[in-house]
N, C-alpha and C. Protein backbone atom coordinates (compact mmCIF):
# COMPACT_ATOMS: atom_id res chain seq x y z
N MET A 1 -6.88 11.53 11.97
CA MET A 1 -6.28 10.40 12.64
C MET A 1 -4.83 10.76 12.96
N PRO A 2 -4.43 10.56 14.20
CA PRO A 2 -3.05 10.89 14.56
C PRO A 2 -2.04 10.11 13.71
N CYS A 3 -0.89 10.70 13.55
CA CYS A 3 0.12 10.11 12.66
C CYS A 3 0.59 8.74 13.13
N MET A 4 0.74 8.54 14.43
CA MET A 4 1.23 7.27 14.94
C MET A 4 0.24 6.14 14.68
N ILE A 5 -1.05 6.40 14.87
CA ILE A 5 -2.07 5.39 14.61
C ILE A 5 -2.11 5.06 13.13
N ARG A 6 -2.05 6.07 12.27
CA ARG A 6 -2.05 5.84 10.83
C ARG A 6 -0.83 5.02 10.42
N PHE A 7 0.32 5.35 10.99
CA PHE A 7 1.56 4.63 10.71
C PHE A 7 1.41 3.16 11.09
N MET A 8 0.88 2.90 12.29
CA MET A 8 0.75 1.52 12.76
C MET A 8 -0.25 0.74 11.94
N LEU A 9 -1.38 1.34 11.60
CA LEU A 9 -2.39 0.63 10.82
C LEU A 9 -1.92 0.31 9.41
N THR A 10 -1.25 1.25 8.78
CA THR A 10 -0.79 0.99 7.42
C THR A 10 0.32 -0.05 7.39
N ARG A 11 1.23 -0.01 8.35
CA ARG A 11 2.32 -1.00 8.38
C ARG A 11 1.80 -2.39 8.71
N PHE A 12 0.86 -2.46 9.66
CA PHE A 12 0.29 -3.77 10.01
C PHE A 12 -0.51 -4.33 8.84
N ALA A 13 -1.29 -3.47 8.16
CA ALA A 13 -2.09 -3.94 7.02
C ALA A 13 -1.19 -4.41 5.88
N ALA A 14 -0.09 -3.72 5.64
CA ALA A 14 0.83 -4.14 4.59
C ALA A 14 1.47 -5.49 4.93
N GLY A 15 1.90 -5.65 6.18
CA GLY A 15 2.47 -6.92 6.60
C GLY A 15 1.46 -8.04 6.59
N PHE A 16 0.21 -7.74 6.96
CA PHE A 16 -0.84 -8.74 6.94
C PHE A 16 -1.12 -9.19 5.51
N ALA A 17 -1.12 -8.26 4.57
CA ALA A 17 -1.35 -8.63 3.17
C ALA A 17 -0.22 -9.50 2.63
N ILE A 18 1.02 -9.16 2.96
CA ILE A 18 2.16 -9.98 2.54
C ILE A 18 2.06 -11.37 3.16
N GLY A 19 1.78 -11.43 4.46
CA GLY A 19 1.65 -12.71 5.15
C GLY A 19 0.50 -13.53 4.64
N CYS A 20 -0.60 -12.90 4.29
CA CYS A 20 -1.75 -13.61 3.75
C CYS A 20 -1.42 -14.24 2.41
N THR A 21 -0.72 -13.52 1.58
CA THR A 21 -0.34 -14.05 0.27
C THR A 21 0.62 -15.22 0.42
N VAL A 22 1.63 -15.06 1.25
CA VAL A 22 2.60 -16.14 1.45
C VAL A 22 1.94 -17.33 2.14
N GLY A 23 1.09 -17.08 3.13
CA GLY A 23 0.38 -18.16 3.80
C GLY A 23 -0.53 -18.93 2.87
N LEU A 24 -1.17 -18.24 1.95
CA LEU A 24 -2.03 -18.91 0.97
C LEU A 24 -1.22 -19.82 0.06
N VAL A 25 -0.06 -19.34 -0.39
CA VAL A 25 0.80 -20.16 -1.25
C VAL A 25 1.30 -21.39 -0.50
N ILE A 26 1.77 -21.20 0.73
CA ILE A 26 2.27 -22.33 1.52
C ILE A 26 1.14 -23.30 1.83
N CYS A 27 -0.02 -22.78 2.16
CA CYS A 27 -1.15 -23.63 2.52
C CYS A 27 -1.61 -24.47 1.33
N GLN A 28 -1.60 -23.90 0.15
CA GLN A 28 -2.02 -24.65 -1.03
C GLN A 28 -1.06 -25.78 -1.35
N GLN A 29 0.22 -25.60 -1.04
CA GLN A 29 1.19 -26.64 -1.31
C GLN A 29 1.24 -27.68 -0.20
N ALA A 30 1.03 -27.28 1.05
CA ALA A 30 1.17 -28.18 2.18
C ALA A 30 -0.09 -29.00 2.45
N PHE A 31 -1.26 -28.37 2.33
CA PHE A 31 -2.52 -29.05 2.63
C PHE A 31 -3.37 -29.12 1.37
N PRO A 32 -3.41 -30.26 0.71
CA PRO A 32 -4.25 -30.36 -0.49
C PRO A 32 -5.73 -30.24 -0.13
N ALA A 33 -6.46 -29.49 -0.91
CA ALA A 33 -7.88 -29.27 -0.65
C ALA A 33 -8.69 -30.48 -1.12
N THR A 34 -9.46 -31.04 -0.19
CA THR A 34 -10.32 -32.18 -0.54
C THR A 34 -11.78 -31.80 -0.53
N GLY A 35 -12.11 -30.59 -0.08
CA GLY A 35 -13.48 -30.13 -0.09
C GLY A 35 -14.21 -30.30 1.23
N ALA A 36 -13.58 -30.90 2.23
CA ALA A 36 -14.23 -31.05 3.53
C ALA A 36 -14.22 -29.73 4.28
N VAL A 37 -15.21 -29.55 5.14
CA VAL A 37 -15.33 -28.31 5.90
C VAL A 37 -14.12 -28.13 6.82
N GLU A 38 -13.62 -29.22 7.39
CA GLU A 38 -12.47 -29.14 8.28
C GLU A 38 -11.25 -28.59 7.56
N ASN A 39 -11.10 -28.95 6.31
CA ASN A 39 -9.95 -28.45 5.55
C ASN A 39 -10.06 -26.95 5.30
N TYR A 40 -11.26 -26.45 5.08
CA TYR A 40 -11.43 -25.01 4.91
C TYR A 40 -11.11 -24.27 6.20
N LEU A 41 -11.49 -24.87 7.32
CA LEU A 41 -11.17 -24.27 8.61
C LEU A 41 -9.66 -24.26 8.84
N VAL A 42 -9.01 -25.37 8.51
CA VAL A 42 -7.54 -25.44 8.64
C VAL A 42 -6.88 -24.41 7.74
N HIS A 43 -7.34 -24.28 6.51
CA HIS A 43 -6.77 -23.31 5.58
C HIS A 43 -6.94 -21.89 6.12
N GLY A 44 -8.15 -21.57 6.56
CA GLY A 44 -8.41 -20.22 7.06
C GLY A 44 -7.60 -19.88 8.29
N LEU A 45 -7.52 -20.79 9.23
CA LEU A 45 -6.75 -20.53 10.44
C LEU A 45 -5.26 -20.43 10.15
N PHE A 46 -4.77 -21.31 9.28
CA PHE A 46 -3.35 -21.26 8.94
C PHE A 46 -2.99 -19.93 8.29
N ILE A 47 -3.81 -19.51 7.34
CA ILE A 47 -3.54 -18.25 6.64
C ILE A 47 -3.65 -17.07 7.61
N TYR A 48 -4.66 -17.08 8.48
CA TYR A 48 -4.83 -15.98 9.44
C TYR A 48 -3.65 -15.91 10.40
N PHE A 49 -3.27 -17.05 10.98
CA PHE A 49 -2.17 -17.05 11.95
C PHE A 49 -0.85 -16.67 11.29
N PHE A 50 -0.61 -17.15 10.10
CA PHE A 50 0.61 -16.80 9.38
C PHE A 50 0.61 -15.31 9.07
N ALA A 51 -0.51 -14.79 8.58
CA ALA A 51 -0.59 -13.37 8.21
C ALA A 51 -0.48 -12.46 9.42
N SER A 52 -1.09 -12.84 10.54
CA SER A 52 -1.01 -11.97 11.72
C SER A 52 0.41 -11.96 12.29
N THR A 53 1.11 -13.09 12.21
CA THR A 53 2.49 -13.12 12.69
C THR A 53 3.39 -12.26 11.81
N ILE A 54 3.26 -12.38 10.52
CA ILE A 54 4.06 -11.56 9.60
C ILE A 54 3.68 -10.09 9.75
N GLY A 55 2.41 -9.80 9.93
CA GLY A 55 1.97 -8.42 10.11
C GLY A 55 2.57 -7.78 11.34
N MET A 56 2.59 -8.50 12.46
CA MET A 56 3.19 -7.96 13.68
C MET A 56 4.70 -7.81 13.53
N GLY A 57 5.34 -8.74 12.85
CA GLY A 57 6.78 -8.62 12.61
C GLY A 57 7.11 -7.44 11.73
N TYR A 58 6.30 -7.23 10.70
CA TYR A 58 6.50 -6.08 9.80
C TYR A 58 6.31 -4.77 10.56
N LEU A 59 5.29 -4.72 11.42
CA LEU A 59 5.05 -3.52 12.22
C LEU A 59 6.18 -3.27 13.20
N ALA A 60 6.64 -4.31 13.87
CA ALA A 60 7.74 -4.16 14.83
C ALA A 60 9.02 -3.69 14.14
N THR A 61 9.30 -4.24 12.98
CA THR A 61 10.48 -3.82 12.23
C THR A 61 10.36 -2.37 11.78
N ALA A 62 9.17 -1.98 11.31
CA ALA A 62 8.97 -0.59 10.89
C ALA A 62 9.11 0.37 12.06
N LEU A 63 8.59 -0.01 13.23
CA LEU A 63 8.74 0.85 14.40
C LEU A 63 10.19 0.94 14.85
N LEU A 64 10.92 -0.14 14.72
CA LEU A 64 12.33 -0.15 15.12
C LEU A 64 13.16 0.74 14.20
N LEU A 65 12.87 0.70 12.90
CA LEU A 65 13.71 1.41 11.92
C LEU A 65 13.25 2.85 11.67
N GLU A 66 12.07 3.21 12.15
CA GLU A 66 11.57 4.58 11.93
C GLU A 66 12.35 5.56 12.80
N GLU A 67 12.69 6.67 12.21
CA GLU A 67 13.45 7.69 12.96
C GLU A 67 12.65 8.95 13.12
């Protein structure tokens, strides 16, 4: 695997993991779980969108600072 692709995948995956953890914590505090299917969908989408945003930001920052 070329170095640039490996660099991008590892940085995005690391940022996604950080965002997923933070999104899960925020989601548990902001949206109390009542057991309805809609709430699981809201939790999943919130965590995914939060994690993908943080992942792209982490990747962009890593690309900016890499020399």
